[in-house]
Amino acid sequence: MLEAVVVVLTVAVVGGLLFLGGSVLLGRGETQPPADPDRSPLELPEDRPVSADDVRGVRMAVTVRGYRMTEVDWLLEQLAQALEERDAEVAALRARLEETGRTAPGPDDAPAGGNGARNGA
């Protein structure tokens, strides 16, 4: 009976020492501080609109648990702003077209001088 108690205590002490050693060596989580939400190592052009190739070229830092959330949040916010700016510009251009009495061409509309001239003859 005494031998079983000694074995259990030995296993508990060795396990505790291994856990303590691992905790000291590996630390508690990420070794880098969290990224500043107002500044990101990701780069998008500031002097022109963001293009699809710009977005495809973005490479985010991979950490032990995946991508850094602050970088992903920053990128999504930048893309949302770019979309809002483009939507506002498209709406303004459509409003200007309506003011001049023209309507915006739809995707199925034929270009001027297209097939309509051929069918009438």
Foldseek 3Di string as FASTA:
>chain_A
DVVVVVVVVVVVVVVVVVVVVCCVVVPDDDPDDADDLVDDPWDADPVDQGDPVSVVPTDADADPVGGRPSNVVSVVVSVVVSVVVVVVVVVVVQVVCVVVVHHDDDPPDDDPPPPPVVVVD
